[in-house]
Amino acid sequence: MVDLADIQLLALDVDGVLTDGTLIISSDGSESKLFNSLDGHGLRMWQRAGLKVALISGRESASTQLRAEQLGIEYVFQDCHFKLPVIERLLEHIDLAPEKVAYIGDDLPDLPVMRYVGFAVAVANAVDEVKRYADYVTVRPGGGGAVREVIEYILKGTDKWQELMERYLP
């Protein structure tokens, strides 16, 4: 298994990971999603630790783009039906080895990326096949703090967590 201290990029699916997978589509065609604030704060902490975040979603969504902008996430890829080529191009662009990537997924389209990266995570409510290929399965469900759980799991194994805590416990 990869040394978690070597992880430099957290890549994740959106629907079912950052959300519970529910899509609210109004009669006018507008779409809403629910994002968990614990996950959002966790992603901010991850970035404060000097680490990168990428969102890779199979769906195009203005809500996803807006949330990424709110959180300052630089790498956002939407409408990706084949996610592996997307992560391969990103890693080439930022000159990063797959072993230095953690990926969080919940459904079958996430499997190729999960098998490619150094640390594969399935959320608690992921489909069985995804859980089978995960290095870690969260206790919390997607949209319910699973992303925060993964961030804490990785960072608590490094000196970065204690450095982050100094902001809150001076």
C-alpha atoms as a PDB file:
ATOM      1  CA  MET A   1       0.000   0.000   0.000  1.00  0.00           C
ATOM      2  CA  VAL A   2       1.096   3.550  -0.685  1.00  0.00           C
ATOM      3  CA  ASP A   3       2.537   5.762   2.037  1.00  0.00           C
ATOM      4  CA  LEU A   4      -0.316   8.196   2.708  1.00  0.00           C
ATOM      5  CA  ALA A   5       2.191  10.974   3.399  1.00  0.00           C
ATOM      6  CA  ASP A   6       3.091  10.805  -0.308  1.00  0.00           C
ATOM      7  CA  ILE A   7      -0.439  11.673  -1.481  1.00  0.00           C
ATOM      8  CA  GLN A   8      -0.399  15.068  -3.196  1.00  0.00           C
ATOM      9  CA  LEU A   9      -3.686  15.048  -5.113  1.00  0.00           C
ATOM     10  CA  LEU A  10      -7.169  14.147  -3.923  1.00  0.00           C
ATOM     11  CA  ALA A  11      -9.380  13.449  -6.933  1.00  0.00           C
ATOM     12  CA  LEU A  12     -13.027  12.651  -6.519  1.00  0.00           C
ATOM     13  CA  ASP A  13     -16.301  12.013  -8.198  1.00  0.00           C
ATOM     14  CA  VAL A  14     -19.081  14.474  -7.366  1.00  0.00           C
ATOM     15  CA  ASP A  15     -22.543  12.851  -7.478  1.00  0.00           C
ATOM     16  CA  GLY A  16     -22.614  10.204  -4.764  1.00  0.00           C
ATOM     17  CA  VAL A  17     -19.337  11.372  -3.194  1.00  0.00           C
ATOM     18  CA  LEU A  18     -19.564  15.128  -2.557  1.00  0.00           C
ATOM     19  CA  THR A  19     -23.350  14.725  -2.640  1.00  0.00           C
ATOM     20  CA  ASP A  20     -25.624  11.845  -1.682  1.00  0.00           C
ATOM     21  CA  GLY A  21     -26.339  11.325  -5.371  1.00  0.00           C
ATOM     22  CA  THR A  22     -29.767  12.931  -5.287  1.00  0.00           C
ATOM     23  CA  LEU A  23     -30.465  15.302  -8.173  1.00  0.00           C
ATOM     24  CA  ILE A  24     -33.239  17.838  -7.757  1.00  0.00           C
ATOM     25  CA  ILE A  25     -34.425  18.875 -11.206  1.00  0.00           C
ATOM     26  CA  SER A  26     -37.136  21.529 -11.279  1.00  0.00           C
ATOM     27  CA  SER A  27     -39.810  21.846 -13.957  1.00  0.00           C
ATOM     28  CA  ASP A  28     -37.864  24.763 -15.472  1.00  0.00           C
ATOM     29  CA  GLY A  29     -34.866  22.436 -15.943  1.00  0.00           C
ATOM     30  CA  SER A  30     -32.758  23.966 -13.195  1.00  0.00           C
ATOM     31  CA  GLU A  31     -30.817  21.570 -11.003  1.00  0.00           C
ATOM     32  CA  SER A  32     -29.927  21.610  -7.316  1.00  0.00           C
ATOM     33  CA  LYS A  33     -27.558  19.488  -5.259  1.00  0.00           C
ATOM     34  CA  LEU A  34     -26.845  19.301  -1.551  1.00  0.00           C
ATOM     35  CA  PHE A  35     -23.192  19.610  -0.505  1.00  0.00           C
ATOM     36  CA  ASN A  36     -21.968  18.852   3.015  1.00  0.00           C
ATOM     37  CA  SER A  37     -20.205  21.734   4.794  1.00  0.00           C
ATOM     38  CA  LEU A  38     -17.877  19.332   6.658  1.00  0.00           C
ATOM     39  CA  ASP A  39     -16.633  18.079   3.299  1.00  0.00           C
ATOM     40  CA  GLY A  40     -16.170  21.654   2.108  1.00  0.00           C
ATOM     41  CA  HIS A  41     -14.150  22.628   5.172  1.00  0.00           C
ATOM     42  CA  GLY A  42     -12.105  19.456   4.827  1.00  0.00           C
ATOM     43  CA  LEU A  43     -11.263  20.328   1.226  1.00  0.00           C
ATOM     44  CA  ARG A  44     -10.166  23.803   2.334  1.00  0.00           C
ATOM     45  CA  MET A  45      -7.942  22.224   5.002  1.00  0.00           C
ATOM     46  CA  TRP A  46      -6.467  19.868   2.392  1.00  0.00           C
ATOM     47  CA  GLN A  47      -5.608  22.849   0.222  1.00  0.00           C
ATOM     48  CA  ARG A  48      -4.132  24.775   3.189  1.00  0.00           C
ATOM     49  CA  ALA A  49      -1.837  21.788   3.685  1.00  0.00           C
ATOM     50  CA  GLY A  50      -0.456  22.560   0.210  1.00  0.00           C
ATOM     51  CA  LEU A  51      -2.240  19.697  -1.534  1.00  0.00           C
ATOM     52  CA  LYS A  52      -4.285  19.675  -4.737  1.00  0.00           C
ATOM     53  CA  VAL A  53      -7.915  18.736  -5.435  1.00  0.00           C
ATOM     54  CA  ALA A  54      -9.590  17.605  -8.656  1.00  0.00           C
ATOM     55  CA  LEU A  55     -13.281  16.983  -9.300  1.00  0.00           C
ATOM     56  CA  ILE A  56     -14.100  14.499 -12.062  1.00  0.00           C
ATOM     57  CA  SER A  57     -17.814  14.175 -12.738  1.00  0.00           C
ATOM     58  CA  GLY A  58     -19.757  12.218 -15.298  1.00  0.00           C
ATOM     59  CA  ARG A  59     -22.370  14.962 -15.437  1.00  0.00           C
ATOM     60  CA  GLU A  60     -22.228  18.619 -16.426  1.00  0.00           C
ATOM     61  CA  SER A  61     -23.674  20.776 -13.665  1.00  0.00           C
ATOM     62  CA  ALA A  62     -23.655  24.483 -12.868  1.00  0.00           C
ATOM     63  CA  SER A  63     -24.017  23.552  -9.174  1.00  0.00           C
ATOM     64  CA  THR A  64     -20.783  21.565  -9.296  1.00  0.00           C
ATOM     65  CA  GLN A  65     -18.921  24.404 -11.000  1.00  0.00           C
ATOM     66  CA  LEU A  66     -20.211  26.926  -8.467  1.00  0.00           C
ATOM     67  CA  ARG A  67     -19.224  24.721  -5.506  1.00  0.00           C
ATOM     68  CA  ALA A  68     -15.760  24.209  -6.981  1.00  0.00           C
ATOM     69  CA  GLU A  69     -15.359  27.972  -7.370  1.00  0.00           C
ATOM     70  CA  GLN A  70     -16.513  28.559  -3.778  1.00  0.00           C
ATOM     71  CA  LEU A  71     -13.874  26.121  -2.559  1.00  0.00           C
ATOM     72  CA  GLY A  72     -11.116  27.355  -4.869  1.00  0.00           C
ATOM     73  CA  ILE A  73     -10.754  23.998  -6.623  1.00  0.00           C
ATOM     74  CA  GLU A  74      -8.556  24.497  -9.668  1.00  0.00           C
ATOM     75  CA  TYR A  75      -9.102  21.217 -11.498  1.00  0.00           C
ATOM     76  CA  VAL A  76     -12.740  20.590 -12.444  1.00  0.00           C
ATOM     77  CA  PHE A  77     -13.690  18.143 -15.177  1.00  0.00           C
ATOM     78  CA  GLN A  78     -17.357  17.562 -16.018  1.00  0.00           C
ATOM     79  CA  ASP A  79     -19.284  15.484 -18.528  1.00  0.00           C
ATOM     80  CA  CYS A  80     -16.552  12.830 -18.306  1.00  0.00           C
ATOM     81  CA  HIS A  81     -17.955   9.476 -19.307  1.00  0.00           C
ATOM     82  CA  PHE A  82     -14.476   7.924 -19.318  1.00  0.00           C
ATOM     83  CA  LYS A  83     -12.583   9.255 -16.319  1.00  0.00           C
ATOM     84  CA  LEU A  84      -9.268   7.424 -16.677  1.00  0.00           C
ATOM     85  CA  PRO A  85      -8.032   9.435 -19.689  1.00  0.00           C
ATOM     86  CA  VAL A  86      -8.957  12.622 -17.814  1.00  0.00           C
ATOM     87  CA  ILE A  87      -6.856  11.724 -14.763  1.00  0.00           C
ATOM     88  CA  GLU A  88      -4.000  10.534 -16.982  1.00  0.00           C
ATOM     89  CA  ARG A  89      -3.909  13.897 -18.803  1.00  0.00           C
ATOM     90  CA  LEU A  90      -4.133  15.817 -15.533  1.00  0.00           C
ATOM     91  CA  LEU A  91      -1.251  13.889 -13.981  1.00  0.00           C
ATOM     92  CA  GLU A  92       0.844  14.451 -17.077  1.00  0.00           C
ATOM     93  CA  HIS A  93       0.009  18.182 -16.961  1.00  0.00           C
ATOM     94  CA  ILE A  94       0.981  18.570 -13.278  1.00  0.00           C
ATOM     95  CA  ASP A  95       3.842  16.039 -13.515  1.00  0.00           C
ATOM     96  CA  LEU A  96       2.552  13.705 -10.830  1.00  0.00           C
ATOM     97  CA  ALA A  97       2.785   9.920 -10.555  1.00  0.00           C
ATOM     98  CA  PRO A  98      -0.447   7.931 -10.068  1.00  0.00           C
ATOM     99  CA  GLU A  99       0.933   6.556  -6.782  1.00  0.00           C
ATOM    100  CA  LYS A 100       0.668  10.072  -5.324  1.00  0.00           C
ATOM    101  CA  VAL A 101      -3.072  10.280  -5.955  1.00  0.00           C
ATOM    102  CA  ALA A 102      -6.037   9.336  -3.787  1.00  0.00           C
ATOM    103  CA  TYR A 103      -9.380   8.928  -5.563  1.00  0.00           C
ATOM    104  CA  ILE A 104     -12.836   8.714  -3.989  1.00  0.00           C
ATOM    105  CA  GLY A 105     -15.638   7.054  -5.949  1.00  0.00           C
ATOM    106  CA  ASP A 106     -18.993   5.375  -5.572  1.00  0.00           C
ATOM    107  CA  ASP A 107     -20.031   3.802  -8.870  1.00  0.00           C
ATOM    108  CA  LEU A 108     -18.762   1.686 -11.749  1.00  0.00           C
ATOM    109  CA  PRO A 109     -17.409   4.563 -13.904  1.00  0.00           C
ATOM    110  CA  ASP A 110     -14.949   5.261 -11.049  1.00  0.00           C
ATOM    111  CA  LEU A 111     -13.345   1.798 -11.148  1.00  0.00           C
ATOM    112  CA  PRO A 112     -10.721   2.439 -13.862  1.00  0.00           C
ATOM    113  CA  VAL A 113      -9.386   5.455 -11.957  1.00  0.00           C
ATOM    114  CA  MET A 114      -9.497   3.616  -8.631  1.00  0.00           C
ATOM    115  CA  ARG A 115      -7.406   0.804 -10.078  1.00  0.00           C
ATOM    116  CA  TYR A 116      -4.901   3.331 -11.505  1.00  0.00           C
ATOM    117  CA  VAL A 117      -4.149   5.543  -8.499  1.00  0.00           C
ATOM    118  CA  GLY A 118      -2.113   4.891  -5.365  1.00  0.00           C
ATOM    119  CA  PHE A 119      -4.977   5.039  -2.849  1.00  0.00           C
ATOM    120  CA  ALA A 120      -8.528   4.121  -3.861  1.00  0.00           C
ATOM    121  CA  VAL A 121     -11.468   4.987  -1.624  1.00  0.00           C
ATOM    122  CA  ALA A 122     -15.114   3.956  -1.802  1.00  0.00           C
ATOM    123  CA  VAL A 123     -17.795   5.819   0.132  1.00  0.00           C
ATOM    124  CA  ALA A 124     -19.979   3.757   2.472  1.00  0.00           C
ATOM    125  CA  ASN A 125     -22.916   3.777   0.044  1.00  0.00           C
ATOM    126  CA  ALA A 126     -20.839   2.804  -3.011  1.00  0.00           C
ATOM    127  CA  VAL A 127     -21.825  -0.183  -5.123  1.00  0.00           C
ATOM    128  CA  ASP A 128     -20.264  -3.491  -4.089  1.00  0.00           C
ATOM    129  CA  GLU A 129     -17.854  -3.692  -7.027  1.00  0.00           C
ATOM    130  CA  VAL A 130     -16.353  -0.324  -6.103  1.00  0.00           C
ATOM    131  CA  LYS A 131     -15.973  -1.340  -2.466  1.00  0.00           C
ATOM    132  CA  ARG A 132     -14.223  -4.526  -3.582  1.00  0.00           C
ATOM    133  CA  TYR A 133     -11.447  -2.538  -5.302  1.00  0.00           C
ATOM    134  CA  ALA A 134     -11.065   0.092  -2.574  1.00  0.00           C
ATOM    135  CA  ASP A 135      -8.072   0.370  -0.271  1.00  0.00           C
ATOM    136  CA  TYR A 136     -10.372   2.111   2.208  1.00  0.00           C
ATOM    137  CA  VAL A 137     -14.167   2.216   2.593  1.00  0.00           C
ATOM    138  CA  THR A 138     -15.557   5.155   4.535  1.00  0.00           C
ATOM    139  CA  VAL A 139     -17.903   4.861   7.473  1.00  0.00           C
ATOM    140  CA  ARG A 140     -19.758   8.005   6.382  1.00  0.00           C
ATOM    141  CA  PRO A 141     -21.827   8.012   3.194  1.00  0.00           C
ATOM    142  CA  GLY A 142     -21.270  10.188   0.155  1.00  0.00           C
ATOM    143  CA  GLY A 143     -22.682  13.638   0.808  1.00  0.00           C
ATOM    144  CA  GLY A 144     -22.558  12.936   4.535  1.00  0.00           C
ATOM    145  CA  GLY A 145     -18.972  13.754   5.445  1.00  0.00           C
ATOM    146  CA  ALA A 146     -17.187  10.908   3.630  1.00  0.00           C
ATOM    147  CA  VAL A 147     -14.766  13.295   1.910  1.00  0.00           C
ATOM    148  CA  ARG A 148     -13.870  14.911   5.247  1.00  0.00           C
ATOM    149  CA  GLU A 149     -13.350  11.446   6.733  1.00  0.00           C
ATOM    150  CA  VAL A 150     -10.859  10.568   3.991  1.00  0.00           C
ATOM    151  CA  ILE A 151      -9.027  13.871   4.336  1.00  0.00           C
ATOM    152  CA  GLU A 152      -8.650  13.372   8.078  1.00  0.00           C
ATOM    153  CA  TYR A 153      -7.611   9.738   7.596  1.00  0.00           C
ATOM    154  CA  ILE A 154      -4.816  10.759   5.233  1.00  0.00           C
ATOM    155  CA  LEU A 155      -3.663  13.908   7.026  1.00  0.00           C
ATOM    156  CA  LYS A 156      -3.726  12.481  10.553  1.00  0.00           C
ATOM    157  CA  GLY A 157      -1.063  10.031   9.442  1.00  0.00           C
ATOM    158  CA  THR A 158       1.243  12.941   8.643  1.00  0.00           C
ATOM    159  CA  ASP A 159       2.633  15.984  10.405  1.00  0.00           C
ATOM    160  CA  LYS A 160       0.303  18.131   8.292  1.00  0.00           C
ATOM    161  CA  TRP A 161      -2.703  17.469  10.537  1.00  0.00           C
ATOM    162  CA  GLN A 162      -1.025  18.884  13.623  1.00  0.00           C
ATOM    163  CA  GLU A 163       0.095  21.932  11.645  1.00  0.00           C
ATOM    164  CA  LEU A 164      -3.497  22.503  10.511  1.00  0.00           C
ATOM    165  CA  MET A 165      -4.779  22.176  14.083  1.00  0.00           C
ATOM    166  CA  GLU A 166      -2.574  25.081  15.195  1.00  0.00           C
ATOM    167  CA  ARG A 167      -5.049  27.371  13.424  1.00  0.00           C
ATOM    168  CA  TYR A 168      -7.817  26.164  15.729  1.00  0.00           C
ATOM    169  CA  LEU A 169      -5.859  25.284  18.856  1.00  0.00           C
ATOM    170  CA  PRO A 170      -3.105  27.936  19.076  1.00  0.00           C
END
